[in-house]
Amino acid sequence: MSIEIDTGVRSPGTAGGMPSDRLDVLAQRGDLDTLRAYLGEHPGQRDSLDSLLVRGSRYGDVFALAEGHRRAAGPQAAAVDDKPKPKPVDYDTPVWTKTKVGDGPAFPGRKPSDTSYRLSESAAWGGMVAAGTVSASEQRVISRMADNEGRLDSVQSYDNQIVTVGAMQKTINPQGTGELARQVFEFSQSNPGAYASLFTDQGWSVEHSGKGTGDGAYTMSLTVDGIKMSGSDLSTYIKDAREPDHWTTALSPLQKAGRDAAFQEKQIGDFVTRLDSALGKVPASAVKGQSYIRPISAYVTSEQGAALVLDESVNRPAHVPTTFGKALDAFFADNPKVERDPMLWTAEQRATYEPQIVSDYEAQRLVSRMTDPDQRAAHITGKGTTLSADPGSFVRVSR
């Protein structure tokens, strides 16, 4: 359609379109369809026409013409402008998750900047420190190290375990036993009321075989519609990609338990127990005919050193004596005249020796079978750490 508006006035035209006085009349009198048709024939006149429309306070028509131009640009342009905003993450609903170690349901992970349900943020700490159950120094060590593991309410079922839960990533293994089963059993004994509401009322239960106190002596089961499942049956139920209701039935109670103050206190207590156990190990020398008689705690008295030992114990518990033993082997090989019994060191000697031993231990961790040892160590000893490297800075409660 050709646009002609005769005003009886003839004047020089603007480049690529009608004369400027006629364009002014078009801006004053032309309806929206006429304006669109004109710009379809003379796209170079858009800026001039927009200016005249604004001068005439026809702001709505300027917007309408711009919207029409955007739509005419095609779906690709529209996709850029109309890109939907990402939906807020639903942290309370498990989703099917694909990872390099396997696929299965899990609750979405949180960004590092989100402090929700970090072990360091648990309200349970206040009461435990006030009661003298743990020291403020132990709180700092455990809280910093725990950032390398999961949140208090972490729950996933995508690897070769039936389910992995909590800040220490305790598991139910394919046989239905494991660290989580033991943890929940101990919780049932120390806090039967909370155990009933958090676990048995939700279908989860734990039994002790009556034989020993190792992880294999405790079995966790889930009962759904009167059917009690454990081991392979439980794994098949939870890991069914076609049944998201199964994920919610099985995993949501475990997430809610992780958000409960009483079970959080149990998780913290288990970190304390693990810390005591790790520091109580006697290093194992790799040098033939050589041995150590003092526990790791005799060599490590700094917060950073204690956190590194706890970190390996949580990640690879059986390897701590060997890894630390190799660190001592390296230190004494470099310092053959140093007294081998750390209990005989002076404060001045310890200030020199202990940082070297911790450094050797970090180096040995790098060639161990730990997962991401460099990244884990960086969080404990690197920039921004809240832990002291000074010998003697780690203060423990006598238990």
Protein backbone atom coordinates (compact mmCIF):
# COMPACT_ATOMS: atom_id res chain seq x y z
CA MET A 1 0.00 0.00 0.00
CA SER A 2 1.40 3.42 -0.97
CA ILE A 3 0.80 6.19 1.60
CA GLU A 4 -0.22 9.59 0.20
CA ILE A 5 -1.33 12.53 2.35
CA ASP A 6 -1.84 15.72 0.40
CA THR A 7 -1.44 18.89 2.44
CA GLY A 8 -1.17 21.24 -0.51
CA VAL A 9 2.37 22.05 0.56
CA ARG A 10 5.40 21.02 -1.42
CA SER A 11 8.81 20.94 0.22
CA PRO A 12 12.04 18.98 -0.13
CA GLY A 13 11.75 15.40 1.09
CA THR A 14 13.79 13.55 3.67
CA ALA A 15 16.07 10.86 2.39
CA GLY A 16 14.26 7.70 1.40
CA GLY A 17 10.71 8.94 2.19
CA MET A 18 8.16 11.71 1.93
CA PRO A 19 8.92 15.42 2.50
CA SER A 20 9.39 16.37 6.14
CA ASP A 21 6.21 18.48 6.34
CA ARG A 22 4.15 15.61 4.95
CA LEU A 23 5.85 13.23 7.45
CA ASP A 24 4.81 15.65 10.19
CA VAL A 25 1.21 15.46 8.99
CA LEU A 26 1.45 11.66 8.91
CA ALA A 27 2.65 11.73 12.52
CA GLN A 28 -0.30 13.94 13.47
CA ARG A 29 -3.12 12.32 11.52
CA GLY A 30 -2.09 8.82 10.45
CA ASP A 31 -3.67 5.92 12.35
CA LEU A 32 -1.56 3.00 13.58
CA ASP A 33 -2.18 0.83 10.50
CA THR A 34 -1.17 3.73 8.21
CA LEU A 35 2.00 4.31 10.23
CA ARG A 36 2.90 0.63 10.05
CA ALA A 37 2.30 0.50 6.31
CA TYR A 38 4.48 3.55 5.76
CA LEU A 39 7.36 2.17 7.79
CA GLY A 40 7.04 -1.12 5.92
CA GLU A 41 7.85 0.81 2.73
CA HIS A 42 10.31 3.25 4.33
CA PRO A 43 12.08 1.57 7.29
CA GLY A 44 14.78 4.23 7.19
CA GLN A 45 12.24 6.81 8.36
CA ARG A 46 11.62 5.09 11.73
CA ASP A 47 13.72 7.47 13.85
CA SER A 48 12.28 10.59 12.22
CA LEU A 49 8.70 9.35 12.57
CA ASP A 50 9.27 8.26 16.18
CA SER A 51 10.55 11.72 17.06
CA LEU A 52 7.49 13.36 15.55
CA LEU A 53 5.16 10.93 17.34
CA VAL A 54 6.84 11.65 20.66
CA ARG A 55 6.52 15.39 20.00
CA GLY A 56 2.83 14.80 19.50
CA SER A 57 2.62 12.75 22.73
CA ARG A 58 1.71 9.58 20.82
CA TYR A 59 3.83 7.42 23.13
CA GLY A 60 1.54 4.41 22.89
CA ASP A 61 1.89 4.32 19.11
CA VAL A 62 5.70 4.53 19.41
CA PHE A 63 5.61 1.46 21.67
CA ALA A 64 3.17 -0.37 19.40
CA LEU A 65 5.35 0.26 16.35
CA ALA A 66 8.45 -0.97 18.22
CA GLU A 67 6.61 -4.12 19.35
CA GLY A 68 5.47 -4.79 15.80
CA HIS A 69 9.01 -4.37 14.53
CA ARG A 70 10.34 -6.79 17.14
CA ARG A 71 7.77 -9.41 16.19
CA ALA A 72 8.51 -8.94 12.50
CA ALA A 73 12.19 -9.62 13.19
CA GLY A 74 11.28 -13.27 13.65
CA PRO A 75 11.36 -15.93 16.35
CA GLN A 76 15.11 -15.64 16.94
CA ALA A 77 14.87 -12.01 18.00
CA ALA A 78 11.76 -12.75 20.02
CA ALA A 79 13.56 -15.55 21.77
CA VAL A 80 16.25 -13.14 22.92
CA ASP A 81 13.74 -10.64 24.29
CA ASP A 82 11.22 -13.15 25.58
CA LYS A 83 13.69 -15.56 27.15
CA PRO A 84 11.83 -16.92 30.16
CA LYS A 85 13.31 -16.16 33.54
CA PRO A 86 14.60 -19.26 35.33
CA LYS A 87 12.17 -20.70 37.83
CA PRO A 88 13.19 -20.61 41.47
CA VAL A 89 14.86 -23.87 42.50
CA ASP A 90 12.58 -26.12 44.52
CA TYR A 91 14.92 -27.52 47.13
CA ASP A 92 12.14 -29.57 48.74
CA THR A 93 11.34 -31.83 45.77
CA PRO A 94 13.71 -34.57 44.60
CA VAL A 95 14.55 -34.63 40.89
CA TRP A 96 16.15 -37.23 38.66
CA THR A 97 19.83 -36.34 38.59
CA LYS A 98 22.51 -37.48 36.13
CA THR A 99 26.11 -37.47 37.33
CA LYS A 100 29.45 -39.00 36.33
CA VAL A 101 29.04 -41.62 39.07
CA GLY A 102 25.46 -42.61 38.26
CA ASP A 103 21.86 -41.47 37.86
CA GLY A 104 19.10 -41.29 40.42
CA PRO A 105 16.87 -39.02 42.49
CA ALA A 106 18.32 -36.25 44.65
CA PHE A 107 17.36 -32.92 46.09
CA PRO A 108 18.91 -30.02 44.16
CA GLY A 109 22.21 -28.79 45.53
CA ARG A 110 22.58 -25.24 46.78
CA LYS A 111 25.06 -22.62 45.59
CA PRO A 112 28.10 -22.01 47.82
CA SER A 113 26.77 -18.53 48.59
CA ASP A 114 23.61 -20.07 50.07
CA THR A 115 24.34 -20.89 53.72
CA SER A 116 21.09 -22.76 54.35
CA TYR A 117 21.55 -25.96 56.38
CA ARG A 118 25.30 -25.74 56.49
CA LEU A 119 26.58 -27.53 59.57
CA SER A 120 28.25 -24.30 60.68
CA GLU A 121 24.84 -22.59 60.78
CA SER A 122 23.11 -25.15 63.00
CA ALA A 123 21.44 -23.75 66.11
CA ALA A 124 22.51 -26.92 67.92
CA TRP A 125 26.05 -25.57 68.30
CA GLY A 126 25.07 -22.95 70.85
CA GLY A 127 23.69 -25.44 73.35
CA MET A 128 26.54 -27.89 72.85
CA VAL A 129 29.24 -25.26 73.41
CA ALA A 130 27.38 -23.83 76.41
CA ALA A 131 27.07 -27.31 77.92
CA GLY A 132 30.78 -27.97 77.42
CA THR A 133 30.13 -30.85 75.04
CA VAL A 134 32.38 -29.23 72.43
CA SER A 135 34.77 -26.28 72.48
CA ALA A 136 34.53 -23.18 70.31
CA SER A 137 37.77 -24.31 68.65
CA GLU A 138 36.29 -27.72 67.81
CA GLN A 139 33.24 -25.94 66.43
CA ARG A 140 35.44 -23.91 64.08
CA VAL A 141 37.43 -26.96 62.94
CA ILE A 142 34.39 -29.15 62.29
CA SER A 143 32.36 -26.37 60.66
CA ARG A 144 35.14 -25.43 58.25
CA MET A 145 35.92 -29.01 57.30
CA ALA A 146 32.24 -29.93 56.90
CA ASP A 147 31.91 -27.44 54.03
CA ASN A 148 33.84 -30.04 52.00
CA GLU A 149 31.01 -32.52 52.46
CA GLY A 150 27.21 -32.11 52.33
CA ARG A 151 24.57 -29.96 53.99
CA LEU A 152 22.76 -31.18 57.07
CA ASP A 153 19.70 -31.90 54.90
CA SER A 154 21.54 -33.33 51.87
CA VAL A 155 19.96 -36.46 50.40
CA GLN A 156 20.88 -38.24 47.17
CA SER A 157 20.43 -41.67 45.60
CA TYR A 158 22.37 -41.48 42.33
CA ASP A 159 25.56 -43.41 43.09
CA ASN A 160 26.19 -47.06 43.98
CA GLN A 161 24.78 -46.65 47.50
CA ILE A 162 21.06 -46.91 48.23
CA VAL A 163 21.02 -43.44 49.73
CA THR A 164 23.49 -40.86 51.05
CA VAL A 165 22.41 -38.44 53.77
CA GLY A 166 23.61 -35.48 55.81
CA ALA A 167 26.68 -33.39 56.46
CA MET A 168 29.05 -36.37 56.69
CA GLN A 169 27.45 -38.07 53.69
CA LYS A 170 26.63 -41.25 55.59
CA THR A 171 25.18 -44.05 53.48
CA ILE A 172 22.94 -47.08 53.39
CA ASN A 173 24.91 -49.55 51.29
CA PRO A 174 23.44 -52.05 48.80
CA GLN A 175 23.01 -54.58 51.62
CA GLY A 176 20.86 -52.15 53.62
CA THR A 177 23.51 -51.58 56.29
CA GLY A 178 26.12 -48.86 56.69
CA GLU A 179 27.08 -45.72 58.58
CA LEU A 180 23.66 -44.09 58.22
CA ALA A 181 21.92 -47.13 59.66
CA ARG A 182 24.27 -47.06 62.64
CA GLN A 183 23.77 -43.32 63.10
CA VAL A 184 19.99 -43.62 63.07
CA PHE A 185 20.09 -46.56 65.49
CA GLU A 186 22.20 -44.58 67.95
CA PHE A 187 19.77 -41.69 67.56
CA SER A 188 16.86 -44.02 68.32
CA GLN A 189 18.55 -44.96 71.58
CA SER A 190 19.44 -41.42 72.68
CA ASN A 191 16.26 -39.71 71.51
CA PRO A 192 13.44 -42.26 71.01
CA GLY A 193 10.72 -39.63 70.75
CA ALA A 194 12.40 -37.73 67.92
CA TYR A 195 13.31 -41.03 66.24
CA ALA A 196 9.65 -42.06 66.23
CA SER A 197 8.40 -38.80 64.70
CA LEU A 198 11.22 -38.34 62.20
CA PHE A 199 11.69 -41.94 61.08
CA THR A 200 9.25 -44.65 62.16
CA ASP A 201 6.17 -42.48 61.66
CA GLN A 202 7.44 -41.83 58.11
CA GLY A 203 8.01 -45.50 57.28
CA TRP A 204 11.73 -45.72 58.06
CA SER A 205 13.05 -48.09 60.73
CA VAL A 206 16.38 -49.50 61.86
CA GLU A 207 17.25 -52.79 63.53
CA HIS A 208 20.36 -54.05 65.28
CA SER A 209 21.37 -57.61 64.45
CA GLY A 210 22.61 -58.10 68.00
CA LYS A 211 26.08 -58.93 66.73
CA GLY A 212 28.68 -56.25 67.45
CA THR A 213 28.59 -52.50 66.94
CA GLY A 214 30.13 -52.16 63.49
CA ASP A 215 28.31 -50.51 60.60
CA GLY A 216 27.27 -53.92 59.28
CA ALA A 217 25.31 -54.71 62.44
CA TYR A 218 22.53 -52.23 61.67
CA THR A 219 19.93 -52.44 58.90
CA MET A 220 17.59 -49.70 57.70
CA SER A 221 14.26 -50.48 56.07
CA LEU A 222 11.38 -48.55 54.53
CA THR A 223 7.79 -49.75 54.83
CA VAL A 224 5.32 -48.57 52.17
CA ASP A 225 1.72 -49.83 52.04
CA GLY A 226 2.58 -52.60 54.48
CA ILE A 227 5.56 -53.82 52.46
CA LYS A 228 8.91 -53.63 54.24
CA MET A 229 11.89 -53.12 51.96
CA SER A 230 15.65 -53.17 52.48
CA GLY A 231 18.73 -53.94 50.42
CA SER A 232 18.14 -54.48 46.71
CA ASP A 233 14.35 -54.16 47.01
CA LEU A 234 14.71 -50.75 48.62
CA SER A 235 17.26 -49.64 46.03
CA THR A 236 14.96 -50.68 43.17
CA TYR A 237 12.04 -48.82 44.75
CA ILE A 238 13.94 -45.55 45.23
CA LYS A 239 15.88 -45.56 41.96
CA ASP A 240 12.87 -46.15 39.68
CA ALA A 241 13.10 -43.32 37.14
CA ARG A 242 9.42 -43.71 36.24
CA GLU A 243 8.11 -43.24 39.79
CA PRO A 244 8.85 -39.78 41.22
CA ASP A 245 6.35 -40.50 44.00
CA HIS A 246 8.76 -43.16 45.24
CA TRP A 247 11.53 -40.56 45.51
CA THR A 248 9.39 -38.28 47.62
CA THR A 249 8.11 -41.10 49.84
CA ALA A 250 11.60 -42.37 50.58
CA LEU A 251 13.78 -39.27 50.53
CA SER A 252 11.64 -36.44 51.91
CA PRO A 253 11.57 -37.84 55.48
CA LEU A 254 15.37 -38.06 55.42
CA GLN A 255 15.64 -34.44 54.29
CA LYS A 256 13.26 -33.32 57.05
CA ALA A 257 15.29 -35.25 59.61
CA GLY A 258 18.37 -33.32 58.49
CA ARG A 259 16.54 -30.07 59.21
CA ASP A 260 15.53 -31.14 62.71
CA ALA A 261 17.58 -29.67 65.59
CA ALA A 262 17.78 -32.96 67.48
CA PHE A 263 19.14 -34.91 64.51
CA GLN A 264 21.48 -32.03 63.66
CA GLU A 265 22.95 -32.36 67.14
CA LYS A 266 23.47 -36.06 66.45
CA GLN A 267 25.27 -35.24 63.19
CA ILE A 268 27.54 -32.77 64.96
CA GLY A 269 28.20 -35.30 67.72
CA ASP A 270 29.31 -37.82 65.10
CA PHE A 271 31.80 -35.30 63.69
CA VAL A 272 33.20 -34.82 67.18
CA THR A 273 33.54 -38.58 67.59
CA ARG A 274 35.22 -38.88 64.20
CA LEU A 275 37.62 -36.04 65.05
CA ASP A 276 38.62 -37.71 68.33
CA SER A 277 39.06 -41.04 66.56
CA ALA A 278 41.17 -39.63 63.72
CA LEU A 279 43.50 -37.71 66.02
CA GLY A 280 43.82 -40.79 68.22
CA LYS A 281 45.23 -42.93 65.40
CA VAL A 282 48.89 -43.89 65.59
CA PRO A 283 50.75 -43.10 62.34
CA ALA A 284 51.99 -46.08 60.34
CA SER A 285 55.50 -45.70 58.94
CA ALA A 286 56.23 -46.88 55.42
CA VAL A 287 59.91 -47.33 56.30
CA LYS A 288 60.84 -50.91 57.09
CA GLY A 289 61.75 -51.42 60.72
CA GLN A 290 60.50 -47.97 61.73
CA SER A 291 57.41 -47.18 63.81
CA TYR A 292 55.71 -44.41 65.75
CA ILE A 293 54.22 -44.72 69.23
CA ARG A 294 52.46 -41.40 69.71
CA PRO A 295 48.98 -40.62 68.29
CA ILE A 296 48.52 -38.01 65.58
CA SER A 297 47.27 -35.56 68.22
CA ALA A 298 50.80 -35.46 69.65
CA TYR A 299 52.10 -34.06 66.36
CA VAL A 300 49.15 -31.86 65.37
CA THR A 301 47.93 -29.14 67.73
CA SER A 302 46.80 -26.45 65.29
CA GLU A 303 43.24 -25.94 64.08
CA GLN A 304 44.28 -26.25 60.44
CA GLY A 305 46.18 -29.47 61.09
CA ALA A 306 43.28 -31.00 63.00
CA ALA A 307 40.86 -30.06 60.22
CA LEU A 308 43.07 -31.67 57.57
CA VAL A 309 43.20 -34.92 59.54
CA LEU A 310 39.43 -34.89 60.06
CA ASP A 311 38.96 -34.13 56.37
CA GLU A 312 40.86 -37.23 55.27
CA SER A 313 39.13 -39.33 57.92
CA VAL A 314 35.71 -38.39 56.58
CA ASN A 315 36.76 -38.89 52.96
CA ARG A 316 39.03 -41.95 53.31
CA PRO A 317 38.91 -43.08 56.95
CA ALA A 318 41.13 -46.14 56.66
CA HIS A 319 43.97 -44.22 55.03
CA VAL A 320 44.73 -41.65 57.75
CA PRO A 321 47.45 -43.59 59.67
CA THR A 322 49.33 -44.42 56.45
CA THR A 323 49.10 -40.95 54.92
CA PHE A 324 50.18 -39.23 58.12
CA GLY A 325 52.90 -41.83 58.66
CA LYS A 326 54.37 -41.03 55.24
CA ALA A 327 54.35 -37.35 56.16
CA LEU A 328 56.35 -38.11 59.30
CA ASP A 329 58.71 -40.33 57.30
CA ALA A 330 59.39 -37.41 54.96
CA PHE A 331 59.85 -34.93 57.81
CA PHE A 332 62.32 -37.07 59.76
CA ALA A 333 64.20 -37.97 56.58
CA ASP A 334 64.72 -34.25 55.99
CA ASN A 335 65.46 -33.62 59.68
CA PRO A 336 67.32 -36.71 60.97
CA LYS A 337 68.57 -34.99 64.11
CA VAL A 338 65.12 -33.98 65.35
CA GLU A 339 63.83 -35.72 68.48
CA ARG A 340 61.32 -38.34 67.28
CA ASP A 341 59.09 -38.12 70.36
CA PRO A 342 56.97 -34.97 69.97
CA MET A 343 56.18 -34.96 73.67
CA LEU A 344 59.81 -33.96 74.28
CA TRP A 345 59.78 -30.95 71.95
CA THR A 346 60.07 -27.50 73.44
CA ALA A 347 57.49 -24.86 72.48
CA GLU A 348 60.09 -23.23 70.23
CA GLN A 349 60.86 -26.52 68.51
CA ARG A 350 57.19 -27.30 68.00
CA ALA A 351 56.65 -23.89 66.44
CA THR A 352 59.21 -24.91 63.81
CA TYR A 353 58.52 -28.63 63.41
CA GLU A 354 54.74 -28.83 63.41
CA PRO A 355 54.10 -26.48 60.43
CA GLN A 356 56.62 -28.54 58.41
CA ILE A 357 54.84 -31.78 59.32
CA VAL A 358 51.44 -30.33 58.39
CA SER A 359 52.91 -29.18 55.06
CA ASP A 360 54.33 -32.67 54.43
CA TYR A 361 50.94 -34.12 55.31
CA GLU A 362 49.21 -31.86 52.77
CA ALA A 363 51.68 -33.10 50.16
CA GLN A 364 51.02 -36.75 51.03
CA ARG A 365 47.27 -36.17 50.77
CA LEU A 366 47.78 -35.07 47.16
CA VAL A 367 49.13 -38.50 46.19
CA SER A 368 46.62 -40.42 48.30
CA ARG A 369 43.29 -41.78 47.11
CA MET A 370 41.32 -38.84 48.50
CA THR A 371 38.70 -37.11 46.35
CA ASP A 372 39.84 -33.62 45.29
CA PRO A 373 42.47 -33.34 48.05
CA ASP A 374 43.88 -30.04 46.75
CA GLN A 375 40.50 -28.29 46.67
CA ARG A 376 39.53 -29.67 50.06
CA ALA A 377 42.82 -28.54 51.61
CA ALA A 378 42.53 -25.09 50.04
CA HIS A 379 39.23 -24.51 51.84
CA ILE A 380 40.85 -25.45 55.15
CA THR A 381 44.26 -23.75 54.88
CA GLY A 382 43.87 -21.32 51.99
CA LYS A 383 42.71 -17.74 51.60
CA GLY A 384 39.73 -16.83 53.73
CA THR A 385 40.11 -19.68 56.20
CA THR A 386 38.77 -19.14 59.71
CA LEU A 387 41.26 -21.61 61.21
CA SER A 388 44.58 -20.88 62.87
CA ALA A 389 47.81 -22.52 61.72
CA ASP A 390 49.52 -21.80 65.03
CA PRO A 391 50.63 -24.84 67.07
CA GLY A 392 48.52 -25.02 70.21
CA SER A 393 45.56 -23.17 68.67
CA PHE A 394 43.36 -26.26 68.64
CA VAL A 395 41.62 -26.47 72.00
CA ARG A 396 39.75 -29.69 72.78
CA VAL A 397 37.19 -30.63 75.38
CA SER A 398 38.27 -33.49 77.58
CA ARG A 399 35.93 -36.39 76.95
